[in-house]
Amino acid sequence: MQLLRRGYTPLVLSPVERGIASEIALKLRMKNIIPQKEENDATLLAEAALKGCEILLTSDQHLLDANQDATKFWRILEESYAQTHQIVIARPREIVRSFSLGR
């Protein structure tokens, strides 16, 4: 609720997009890019990619680790027609540090 008051808009997926995101999430888990038991993490990452998000701020280690296996990750997105550009997956403090260093 606080996010809505701050002007954030929820991500809305059509039923078709939800199905595609589920398939991408399943592939991410089957290839062990995201652990099998982390269904929500895989779905979140799939939805972000499908909707063209450019940055994903997280402290969740499973999502950060997906970045370590970038070649497999991007191949799955390409095969699923979800990769339009690279997604930056980073901790919020890393982004803050990168902008603070130049000041």
PDB file of N, CA and C in Angstrom:
ATOM      1  N   MET A   1       0.809  -1.191   0.000  1.00  0.00           N
ATOM      2  CA  MET A   1       0.000   0.000   0.000  1.00  0.00           C
ATOM      3  C   MET A   1       0.854   1.257   0.000  1.00  0.00           C
ATOM      4  N   GLN A   2       1.968   1.246   0.740  1.00  0.00           N
ATOM      5  CA  GLN A   2       2.843   2.413   0.772  1.00  0.00           C
ATOM      6  C   GLN A   2       3.432   2.702  -0.603  1.00  0.00           C
ATOM      7  N   LEU A   3       3.726   1.658  -1.342  1.00  0.00           N
ATOM      8  CA  LEU A   3       4.286   1.859  -2.677  1.00  0.00           C
ATOM      9  C   LEU A   3       3.298   2.590  -3.579  1.00  0.00           C
ATOM     10  N   LEU A   4       2.023   2.252  -3.482  1.00  0.00           N
ATOM     11  CA  LEU A   4       1.010   2.928  -4.288  1.00  0.00           C
ATOM     12  C   LEU A   4       0.933   4.408  -3.924  1.00  0.00           C
ATOM     13  N   ARG A   5       1.011   4.710  -2.630  1.00  0.00           N
ATOM     14  CA  ARG A   5       0.968   6.105  -2.177  1.00  0.00           C
ATOM     15  C   ARG A   5       2.192   6.885  -2.639  1.00  0.00           C
ATOM     16  N   ARG A   6       3.278   6.201  -2.858  1.00  0.00           N
ATOM     17  CA  ARG A   6       4.499   6.863  -3.329  1.00  0.00           C
ATOM     18  C   ARG A   6       4.543   6.985  -4.848  1.00  0.00           C
ATOM     19  N   GLY A   7       3.522   6.496  -5.515  1.00  0.00           N
ATOM     20  CA  GLY A   7       3.438   6.651  -6.960  1.00  0.00           C
ATOM     21  C   GLY A   7       3.922   5.470  -7.772  1.00  0.00           C
ATOM     22  N   TYR A   8       4.234   4.353  -7.110  1.00  0.00           N
ATOM     23  CA  TYR A   8       4.638   3.152  -7.843  1.00  0.00           C
ATOM     24  C   TYR A   8       3.408   2.464  -8.416  1.00  0.00           C
ATOM     25  N   THR A   9       3.558   1.955  -9.611  1.00  0.00           N
ATOM     26  CA  THR A   9       2.462   1.263 -10.276  1.00  0.00           C
ATOM     27  C   THR A   9       2.764  -0.234 -10.288  1.00  0.00           C
ATOM     28  N   PRO A  10       1.812  -1.059  -9.872  1.00  0.00           N
ATOM     29  CA  PRO A  10       2.052  -2.510  -9.913  1.00  0.00           C
ATOM     30  C   PRO A  10       2.238  -2.991 -11.348  1.00  0.00           C
ATOM     31  N   LEU A  11       3.050  -4.000 -11.492  1.00  0.00           N
ATOM     32  CA  LEU A  11       3.285  -4.611 -12.788  1.00  0.00           C
ATOM     33  C   LEU A  11       2.084  -5.497 -13.112  1.00  0.00           C
ATOM     34  N   VAL A  12       1.454  -5.241 -14.237  1.00  0.00           N
ATOM     35  CA  VAL A  12       0.281  -6.016 -14.626  1.00  0.00           C
ATOM     36  C   VAL A  12       0.635  -6.852 -15.849  1.00  0.00           C
ATOM     37  N   LEU A  13       0.401  -8.141 -15.731  1.00  0.00           N
ATOM     38  CA  LEU A  13       0.646  -9.050 -16.843  1.00  0.00           C
ATOM     39  C   LEU A  13      -0.671  -9.607 -17.343  1.00  0.00           C
ATOM     40  N   SER A  14      -0.758  -9.761 -18.644  1.00  0.00           N
ATOM     41  CA  SER A  14      -1.940 -10.395 -19.231  1.00  0.00           C
ATOM     42  C   SER A  14      -1.866 -11.890 -18.922  1.00  0.00           C
ATOM     43  N   PRO A  15      -2.964 -12.610 -19.087  1.00  0.00           N
ATOM     44  CA  PRO A  15      -2.912 -14.059 -18.869  1.00  0.00           C
ATOM     45  C   PRO A  15      -1.854 -14.754 -19.733  1.00  0.00           C
ATOM     46  N   VAL A  16      -1.686 -14.302 -20.962  1.00  0.00           N
ATOM     47  CA  VAL A  16      -0.677 -14.899 -21.840  1.00  0.00           C
ATOM     48  C   VAL A  16       0.723 -14.625 -21.289  1.00  0.00           C
ATOM     49  N   GLU A  17       0.962 -13.381 -20.865  1.00  0.00           N
ATOM     50  CA  GLU A  17       2.269 -13.029 -20.299  1.00  0.00           C
ATOM     51  C   GLU A  17       2.553 -13.825 -19.026  1.00  0.00           C
ATOM     52  N   ARG A  18       1.529 -14.046 -18.213  1.00  0.00           N
ATOM     53  CA  ARG A  18       1.714 -14.854 -17.003  1.00  0.00           C
ATOM     54  C   ARG A  18       2.133 -16.276 -17.355  1.00  0.00           C
ATOM     55  N   GLY A  19       1.530 -16.822 -18.400  1.00  0.00           N
ATOM     56  CA  GLY A  19       1.896 -18.166 -18.848  1.00  0.00           C
ATOM     57  C   GLY A  19       3.325 -18.224 -19.354  1.00  0.00           C
ATOM     58  N   ILE A  20       3.714 -17.224 -20.130  1.00  0.00           N
ATOM     59  CA  ILE A  20       5.085 -17.166 -20.637  1.00  0.00           C
ATOM     60  C   ILE A  20       6.062 -17.006 -19.480  1.00  0.00           C
ATOM     61  N   ALA A  21       5.748 -16.131 -18.531  1.00  0.00           N
ATOM     62  CA  ALA A  21       6.616 -15.925 -17.361  1.00  0.00           C
ATOM     63  C   ALA A  21       6.756 -17.222 -16.564  1.00  0.00           C
ATOM     64  N   SER A  22       5.678 -17.970 -16.436  1.00  0.00           N
ATOM     65  CA  SER A  22       5.742 -19.253 -15.721  1.00  0.00           C
ATOM     66  C   SER A  22       6.670 -20.231 -16.420  1.00  0.00           C
ATOM     67  N   GLU A  23       6.611 -20.261 -17.747  1.00  0.00           N
ATOM     68  CA  GLU A  23       7.486 -21.153 -18.520  1.00  0.00           C
ATOM     69  C   GLU A  23       8.951 -20.736 -18.383  1.00  0.00           C
ATOM     70  N   ILE A  24       9.206 -19.430 -18.441  1.00  0.00           N
ATOM     71  CA  ILE A  24      10.577 -18.939 -18.279  1.00  0.00           C
ATOM     72  C   ILE A  24      11.080 -19.280 -16.876  1.00  0.00           C
ATOM     73  N   ALA A  25      10.235 -19.062 -15.866  1.00  0.00           N
ATOM     74  CA  ALA A  25      10.612 -19.370 -14.480  1.00  0.00           C
ATOM     75  C   ALA A  25      10.937 -20.849 -14.314  1.00  0.00           C
ATOM     76  N   LEU A  26      10.148 -21.701 -14.942  1.00  0.00           N
ATOM     77  CA  LEU A  26      10.401 -23.132 -14.879  1.00  0.00           C
ATOM     78  C   LEU A  26      11.760 -23.474 -15.509  1.00  0.00           C
ATOM     79  N   LYS A  27      12.054 -22.864 -16.651  1.00  0.00           N
ATOM     80  CA  LYS A  27      13.341 -23.098 -17.314  1.00  0.00           C
ATOM     81  C   LYS A  27      14.498 -22.621 -16.435  1.00  0.00           C
ATOM     82  N   LEU A  28      14.328 -21.467 -15.785  1.00  0.00           N
ATOM     83  CA  LEU A  28      15.376 -20.947 -14.903  1.00  0.00           C
ATOM     84  C   LEU A  28      15.658 -21.921 -13.766  1.00  0.00           C
ATOM     85  N   ARG A  29      14.606 -22.546 -13.255  1.00  0.00           N
ATOM     86  CA  ARG A  29      14.776 -23.514 -12.166  1.00  0.00           C
ATOM     87  C   ARG A  29      15.316 -24.843 -12.688  1.00  0.00           C
ATOM     88  N   MET A  30      14.870 -25.284 -13.858  1.00  0.00           N
ATOM     89  CA  MET A  30      15.342 -26.553 -14.420  1.00  0.00           C
ATOM     90  C   MET A  30      16.831 -26.495 -14.753  1.00  0.00           C
ATOM     91  N   LYS A  31      17.319 -25.328 -15.158  1.00  0.00           N
ATOM     92  CA  LYS A  31      18.738 -25.162 -15.495  1.00  0.00           C
ATOM     93  C   LYS A  31      19.558 -24.765 -14.264  1.00  0.00           C
ATOM     94  N   ASN A  32      18.918 -24.764 -13.092  1.00  0.00           N
ATOM     95  CA  ASN A  32      19.576 -24.435 -11.819  1.00  0.00           C
ATOM     96  C   ASN A  32      20.184 -23.039 -11.780  1.00  0.00           C
ATOM     97  N   ILE A  33      19.619 -22.137 -12.548  1.00  0.00           N
ATOM     98  CA  ILE A  33      20.032 -20.738 -12.463  1.00  0.00           C
ATOM     99  C   ILE A  33      19.430 -20.140 -11.202  1.00  0.00           C
ATOM    100  N   ILE A  34      18.220 -20.557 -10.909  1.00  0.00           N
ATOM    101  CA  ILE A  34      17.534 -20.259  -9.648  1.00  0.00           C
ATOM    102  C   ILE A  34      17.238 -21.618  -9.025  1.00  0.00           C
ATOM    103  N   PRO A  35      17.473 -21.792  -7.711  1.00  0.00           N
ATOM    104  CA  PRO A  35      17.204 -23.098  -7.089  1.00  0.00           C
ATOM    105  C   PRO A  35      15.752 -23.548  -7.280  1.00  0.00           C
ATOM    106  N   GLN A  36      15.560 -24.850  -7.404  1.00  0.00           N
ATOM    107  CA  GLN A  36      14.235 -25.438  -7.632  1.00  0.00           C
ATOM    108  C   GLN A  36      13.173 -24.915  -6.672  1.00  0.00           C
ATOM    109  N   LYS A  37      13.505 -24.815  -5.407  1.00  0.00           N
ATOM    110  CA  LYS A  37      12.502 -24.431  -4.398  1.00  0.00           C
ATOM    111  C   LYS A  37      12.163 -22.941  -4.427  1.00  0.00           C
ATOM    112  N   GLU A  38      12.915 -22.150  -5.186  1.00  0.00           N
ATOM    113  CA  GLU A  38      12.713 -20.695  -5.220  1.00  0.00           C
ATOM    114  C   GLU A  38      11.819 -20.278  -6.396  1.00  0.00           C
ATOM    115  N   GLU A  39      10.615 -20.813  -6.405  1.00  0.00           N
ATOM    116  CA  GLU A  39       9.675 -20.553  -7.499  1.00  0.00           C
ATOM    117  C   GLU A  39       9.336 -19.064  -7.629  1.00  0.00           C
ATOM    118  N   ASN A  40       9.116 -18.400  -6.494  1.00  0.00           N
ATOM    119  CA  ASN A  40       8.766 -16.977  -6.546  1.00  0.00           C
ATOM    120  C   ASN A  40       9.904 -16.132  -7.096  1.00  0.00           C
ATOM    121  N   ASP A  41      11.143 -16.445  -6.704  1.00  0.00           N
ATOM    122  CA  ASP A  41      12.288 -15.702  -7.227  1.00  0.00           C
ATOM    123  C   ASP A  41      12.392 -15.867  -8.738  1.00  0.00           C
ATOM    124  N   ALA A  42      12.220 -17.083  -9.216  1.00  0.00           N
ATOM    125  CA  ALA A  42      12.298 -17.352 -10.649  1.00  0.00           C
ATOM    126  C   ALA A  42      11.182 -16.614 -11.393  1.00  0.00           C
ATOM    127  N   THR A  43       9.999 -16.610 -10.820  1.00  0.00           N
ATOM    128  CA  THR A  43       8.871 -15.917 -11.454  1.00  0.00           C
ATOM    129  C   THR A  43       9.108 -14.413 -11.499  1.00  0.00           C
ATOM    130  N   LEU A  44       9.608 -13.862 -10.408  1.00  0.00           N
ATOM    131  CA  LEU A  44       9.890 -12.430 -10.365  1.00  0.00           C
ATOM    132  C   LEU A  44      10.905 -12.038 -11.433  1.00  0.00           C
ATOM    133  N   LEU A  45      11.954 -12.818 -11.563  1.00  0.00           N
ATOM    134  CA  LEU A  45      12.982 -12.544 -12.564  1.00  0.00           C
ATOM    135  C   LEU A  45      12.416 -12.692 -13.979  1.00  0.00           C
ATOM    136  N   ALA A  46      11.616 -13.704 -14.202  1.00  0.00           N
ATOM    137  CA  ALA A  46      11.003 -13.915 -15.517  1.00  0.00           C
ATOM    138  C   ALA A  46      10.063 -12.765 -15.876  1.00  0.00           C
ATOM    139  N   GLU A  47       9.262 -12.327 -14.920  1.00  0.00           N
ATOM    140  CA  GLU A  47       8.338 -11.219 -15.175  1.00  0.00           C
ATOM    141  C   GLU A  47       9.092  -9.931 -15.483  1.00  0.00           C
ATOM    142  N   ALA A  48      10.158  -9.672 -14.737  1.00  0.00           N
ATOM    143  CA  ALA A  48      10.956  -8.467 -14.971  1.00  0.00           C
ATOM    144  C   ALA A  48      11.546  -8.481 -16.381  1.00  0.00           C
ATOM    145  N   ALA A  49      12.072  -9.617 -16.786  1.00  0.00           N
ATOM    146  CA  ALA A  49      12.649  -9.733 -18.128  1.00  0.00           C
ATOM    147  C   ALA A  49      11.573  -9.582 -19.199  1.00  0.00           C
ATOM    148  N   LEU A  50      10.460 -10.234 -18.988  1.00  0.00           N
ATOM    149  CA  LEU A  50       9.367 -10.203 -19.965  1.00  0.00           C
ATOM    150  C   LEU A  50       8.822  -8.790 -20.155  1.00  0.00           C
ATOM    151  N   LYS A  51       8.764  -8.014 -19.098  1.00  0.00           N
ATOM    152  CA  LYS A  51       8.226  -6.657 -19.168  1.00  0.00           C
ATOM    153  C   LYS A  51       9.279  -5.615 -19.534  1.00  0.00           C
ATOM    154  N   GLY A  52      10.509  -6.065 -19.771  1.00  0.00           N
ATOM    155  CA  GLY A  52      11.542  -5.134 -20.232  1.00  0.00           C
ATOM    156  C   GLY A  52      12.147  -4.260 -19.147  1.00  0.00           C
ATOM    157  N   CYS A  53      12.129  -4.733 -17.913  1.00  0.00           N
ATOM    158  CA  CYS A  53      12.750  -3.962 -16.833  1.00  0.00           C
ATOM    159  C   CYS A  53      14.249  -3.853 -17.096  1.00  0.00           C
ATOM    160  N   GLU A  54      14.801  -2.713 -16.797  1.00  0.00           N
ATOM    161  CA  GLU A  54      16.221  -2.497 -17.038  1.00  0.00           C
ATOM    162  C   GLU A  54      17.067  -2.706 -15.801  1.00  0.00           C
ATOM    163  N   ILE A  55      16.456  -2.595 -14.635  1.00  0.00           N
ATOM    164  CA  ILE A  55      17.198  -2.765 -13.395  1.00  0.00           C
ATOM    165  C   ILE A  55      16.314  -3.479 -12.381  1.00  0.00           C
ATOM    166  N   LEU A  56      16.913  -4.396 -11.656  1.00  0.00           N
ATOM    167  CA  LEU A  56      16.214  -5.131 -10.609  1.00  0.00           C
ATOM    168  C   LEU A  56      17.044  -4.978  -9.347  1.00  0.00           C
ATOM    169  N   LEU A  57      16.548  -4.179  -8.413  1.00  0.00           N
ATOM    170  CA  LEU A  57      17.238  -3.971  -7.141  1.00  0.00           C
ATOM    171  C   LEU A  57      16.755  -5.013  -6.153  1.00  0.00           C
ATOM    172  N   THR A  58      17.691  -5.733  -5.569  1.00  0.00           N
ATOM    173  CA  THR A  58      17.337  -6.804  -4.652  1.00  0.00           C
ATOM    174  C   THR A  58      18.486  -7.101  -3.711  1.00  0.00           C
ATOM    175  N   SER A  59      18.146  -7.635  -2.573  1.00  0.00           N
ATOM    176  CA  SER A  59      19.155  -8.173  -1.656  1.00  0.00           C
ATOM    177  C   SER A  59      19.056  -9.687  -1.610  1.00  0.00           C
ATOM    178  N   ASP A  60      18.162 -10.246  -2.407  1.00  0.00           N
ATOM    179  CA  ASP A  60      17.951 -11.693  -2.448  1.00  0.00           C
ATOM    180  C   ASP A  60      19.125 -12.365  -3.149  1.00  0.00           C
ATOM    181  N   GLN A  61      19.825 -13.209  -2.430  1.00  0.00           N
ATOM    182  CA  GLN A  61      21.026 -13.836  -2.973  1.00  0.00           C
ATOM    183  C   GLN A  61      20.756 -14.720  -4.178  1.00  0.00           C
ATOM    184  N   HIS A  62      19.587 -15.370  -4.226  1.00  0.00           N
ATOM    185  CA  HIS A  62      19.275 -16.234  -5.369  1.00  0.00           C
ATOM    186  C   HIS A  62      19.192 -15.424  -6.660  1.00  0.00           C
ATOM    187  N   LEU A  63      18.603 -14.247  -6.580  1.00  0.00           N
ATOM    188  CA  LEU A  63      18.496 -13.401  -7.766  1.00  0.00           C
ATOM    189  C   LEU A  63      19.863 -12.836  -8.146  1.00  0.00           C
ATOM    190  N   LEU A  64      20.638 -12.444  -7.152  1.00  0.00           N
ATOM    191  CA  LEU A  64      21.987 -11.944  -7.423  1.00  0.00           C
ATOM    192  C   LEU A  64      22.860 -13.033  -8.038  1.00  0.00           C
ATOM    193  N   ASP A  65      22.699 -14.256  -7.564  1.00  0.00           N
ATOM    194  CA  ASP A  65      23.474 -15.379  -8.095  1.00  0.00           C
ATOM    195  C   ASP A  65      23.114 -15.690  -9.551  1.00  0.00           C
ATOM    196  N   ALA A  66      21.878 -15.414  -9.948  1.00  0.00           N
ATOM    197  CA  ALA A  66      21.466 -15.658 -11.340  1.00  0.00           C
ATOM    198  C   ALA A  66      22.345 -14.863 -12.294  1.00  0.00           C
ATOM    199  N   ASN A  67      22.781 -13.715 -11.841  1.00  0.00           N
ATOM    200  CA  ASN A  67      23.661 -12.869 -12.633  1.00  0.00           C
ATOM    201  C   ASN A  67      25.017 -13.526 -12.872  1.00  0.00           C
ATOM    202  N   GLN A  68      25.433 -14.394 -11.955  1.00  0.00           N
ATOM    203  CA  GLN A  68      26.722 -15.066 -12.081  1.00  0.00           C
ATOM    204  C   GLN A  68      26.728 -16.070 -13.227  1.00  0.00           C
ATOM    205  N   ASP A  69      25.561 -16.567 -13.569  1.00  0.00           N
ATOM    206  CA  ASP A  69      25.428 -17.533 -14.659  1.00  0.00           C
ATOM    207  C   ASP A  69      24.763 -16.837 -15.851  1.00  0.00           C
ATOM    208  N   ALA A  70      25.281 -15.669 -16.181  1.00  0.00           N
ATOM    209  CA  ALA A  70      24.632 -14.794 -17.152  1.00  0.00           C
ATOM    210  C   ALA A  70      24.442 -15.438 -18.525  1.00  0.00           C
ATOM    211  N   THR A  71      25.392 -16.226 -18.981  1.00  0.00           N
ATOM    212  CA  THR A  71      25.275 -16.821 -20.316  1.00  0.00           C
ATOM    213  C   THR A  71      24.057 -17.716 -20.407  1.00  0.00           C
ATOM    214  N   LYS A  72      23.878 -18.621 -19.430  1.00  0.00           N
ATOM    215  CA  LYS A  72      22.696 -19.508 -19.424  1.00  0.00           C
ATOM    216  C   LYS A  72      21.416 -18.694 -19.264  1.00  0.00           C
ATOM    217  N   PHE A  73      21.471 -17.720 -18.359  1.00  0.00           N
ATOM    218  CA  PHE A  73      20.306 -16.877 -18.075  1.00  0.00           C
ATOM    219  C   PHE A  73      19.832 -16.167 -19.345  1.00  0.00           C
ATOM    220  N   TRP A  74      20.750 -15.508 -20.058  1.00  0.00           N
ATOM    221  CA  TRP A  74      20.357 -14.769 -21.258  1.00  0.00           C
ATOM    222  C   TRP A  74      19.941 -15.698 -22.388  1.00  0.00           C
ATOM    223  N   ARG A  75      20.520 -16.884 -22.449  1.00  0.00           N
ATOM    224  CA  ARG A  75      20.116 -17.852 -23.478  1.00  0.00           C
ATOM    225  C   ARG A  75      18.650 -18.254 -23.267  1.00  0.00           C
ATOM    226  N   ILE A  76      18.272 -18.499 -22.033  1.00  0.00           N
ATOM    227  CA  ILE A  76      16.870 -18.858 -21.738  1.00  0.00           C
ATOM    228  C   ILE A  76      15.944 -17.722 -22.139  1.00  0.00           C
ATOM    229  N   LEU A  77      16.328 -16.489 -21.829  1.00  0.00           N
ATOM    230  CA  LEU A  77      15.488 -15.345 -22.198  1.00  0.00           C
ATOM    231  C   LEU A  77      15.391 -15.197 -23.709  1.00  0.00           C
ATOM    232  N   GLU A  78      16.488 -15.398 -24.416  1.00  0.00           N
ATOM    233  CA  GLU A  78      16.471 -15.323 -25.882  1.00  0.00           C
ATOM    234  C   GLU A  78      15.560 -16.391 -26.470  1.00  0.00           C
ATOM    235  N   GLU A  79      15.674 -17.615 -25.968  1.00  0.00           N
ATOM    236  CA  GLU A  79      14.841 -18.712 -26.457  1.00  0.00           C
ATOM    237  C   GLU A  79      13.360 -18.445 -26.198  1.00  0.00           C
ATOM    238  N   SER A  80      13.074 -17.681 -25.171  1.00  0.00           N
ATOM    239  CA  SER A  80      11.688 -17.389 -24.796  1.00  0.00           C
ATOM    240  C   SER A  80      11.210 -16.065 -25.369  1.00  0.00           C
ATOM    241  N   TYR A  81      12.033 -15.435 -26.183  1.00  0.00           N
ATOM    242  CA  TYR A  81      11.705 -14.144 -26.798  1.00  0.00           C
ATOM    243  C   TYR A  81      11.432 -13.068 -25.745  1.00  0.00           C
ATOM    244  N   ALA A  82      12.118 -13.150 -24.611  1.00  0.00           N
ATOM    245  CA  ALA A  82      11.915 -12.178 -23.542  1.00  0.00           C
ATOM    246  C   ALA A  82      13.093 -11.228 -23.398  1.00  0.00           C
ATOM    247  N   GLN A  83      14.193 -11.519 -24.062  1.00  0.00           N
ATOM    248  CA  GLN A  83      15.359 -10.671 -23.891  1.00  0.00           C
ATOM    249  C   GLN A  83      15.368  -9.575 -24.935  1.00  0.00           C
ATOM    250  N   THR A  84      15.136  -8.370 -24.497  1.00  0.00           N
ATOM    251  CA  THR A  84      15.261  -7.232 -25.400  1.00  0.00           C
ATOM    252  C   THR A  84      16.511  -6.433 -25.046  1.00  0.00           C
ATOM    253  N   HIS A  85      16.978  -6.575 -23.839  1.00  0.00           N
ATOM    254  CA  HIS A  85      18.181  -5.906 -23.358  1.00  0.00           C
ATOM    255  C   HIS A  85      18.605  -6.561 -22.047  1.00  0.00           C
ATOM    256  N   GLN A  86      19.788  -6.244 -21.599  1.00  0.00           N
ATOM    257  CA  GLN A  86      20.285  -6.824 -20.358  1.00  0.00           C
ATOM    258  C   GLN A  86      19.608  -6.152 -19.157  1.00  0.00           C
ATOM    259  N   ILE A  87      19.346  -6.944 -18.147  1.00  0.00           N
ATOM    260  CA  ILE A  87      18.806  -6.431 -16.892  1.00  0.00           C
ATOM    261  C   ILE A  87      19.961  -6.335 -15.908  1.00  0.00           C
ATOM    262  N   VAL A  88      20.086  -5.195 -15.277  1.00  0.00           N
ATOM    263  CA  VAL A  88      21.074  -5.041 -14.216  1.00  0.00           C
ATOM    264  C   VAL A  88      20.427  -5.567 -12.939  1.00  0.00           C
ATOM    265  N   ILE A  89      21.046  -6.577 -12.338  1.00  0.00           N
ATOM    266  CA  ILE A  89      20.561  -7.125 -11.074  1.00  0.00           C
ATOM    267  C   ILE A  89      21.607  -6.761 -10.031  1.00  0.00           C
ATOM    268  N   ALA A  90      21.208  -5.926  -9.078  1.00  0.00           N
ATOM    269  CA  ALA A  90      22.186  -5.434  -8.114  1.00  0.00           C
ATOM    270  C   ALA A  90      21.531  -5.119  -6.775  1.00  0.00           C
ATOM    271  N   ARG A  91      22.375  -5.060  -5.764  1.00  0.00           N
ATOM    272  CA  ARG A  91      21.930  -4.620  -4.444  1.00  0.00           C
ATOM    273  C   ARG A  91      21.749  -3.103  -4.492  1.00  0.00           C
ATOM    274  N   PRO A  92      20.749  -2.590  -3.783  1.00  0.00           N
ATOM    275  CA  PRO A  92      20.556  -1.131  -3.769  1.00  0.00           C
ATOM    276  C   PRO A  92      21.822  -0.377  -3.358  1.00  0.00           C
ATOM    277  N   ARG A  93      22.547  -0.895  -2.371  1.00  0.00           N
ATOM    278  CA  ARG A  93      23.741  -0.176  -1.907  1.00  0.00           C
ATOM    279  C   ARG A  93      24.828  -0.134  -2.983  1.00  0.00           C
ATOM    280  N   GLU A  94      24.883  -1.133  -3.866  1.00  0.00           N
ATOM    281  CA  GLU A  94      25.863  -1.110  -4.954  1.00  0.00           C
ATOM    282  C   GLU A  94      25.565   0.022  -5.933  1.00  0.00           C
ATOM    283  N   ILE A  95      24.293   0.220  -6.215  1.00  0.00           N
ATOM    284  CA  ILE A  95      23.892   1.305  -7.117  1.00  0.00           C
ATOM    285  C   ILE A  95      24.222   2.649  -6.476  1.00  0.00           C
ATOM    286  N   VAL A  96      23.914   2.794  -5.204  1.00  0.00           N
ATOM    287  CA  VAL A  96      24.199   4.044  -4.495  1.00  0.00           C
ATOM    288  C   VAL A  96      25.698   4.313  -4.515  1.00  0.00           C
ATOM    289  N   ARG A  97      26.489   3.290  -4.231  1.00  0.00           N
ATOM    290  CA  ARG A  97      27.954   3.457  -4.247  1.00  0.00           C
ATOM    291  C   ARG A  97      28.454   3.885  -5.616  1.00  0.00           C
ATOM    292  N   SER A  98      27.921   3.286  -6.663  1.00  0.00           N
ATOM    293  CA  SER A  98      28.410   3.614  -7.996  1.00  0.00           C
ATOM    294  C   SER A  98      28.120   5.070  -8.373  1.00  0.00           C
ATOM    295  N   PHE A  99      27.029   5.617  -7.855  1.00  0.00           N
ATOM    296  CA  PHE A  99      26.713   7.019  -8.136  1.00  0.00           C
ATOM    297  C   PHE A  99      27.415   7.962  -7.169  1.00  0.00           C
ATOM    298  N   SER A 100      27.776   7.471  -6.000  1.00  0.00           N
ATOM    299  CA  SER A 100      28.435   8.305  -4.981  1.00  0.00           C
ATOM    300  C   SER A 100      29.919   8.494  -5.252  1.00  0.00           C
ATOM    301  N   LEU A 101      30.542   7.564  -5.941  1.00  0.00           N
ATOM    302  CA  LEU A 101      31.988   7.601  -6.132  1.00  0.00           C
ATOM    303  C   LEU A 101      32.432   8.817  -6.943  1.00  0.00           C
ATOM    304  N   GLY A 102      31.612   9.260  -7.843  1.00  0.00           N
ATOM    305  CA  GLY A 102      32.001  10.375  -8.691  1.00  0.00           C
ATOM    306  C   GLY A 102      31.846  11.734  -8.037  1.00  0.00           C
ATOM    307  N   ARG A 103      31.352  11.800  -6.842  1.00  0.00           N
ATOM    308  CA  ARG A 103      31.106  13.106  -6.184  1.00  0.00           C
ATOM    309  C   ARG A 103      32.187  13.477  -5.248  1.00  0.00           C
TER     310      ARG A 103
END
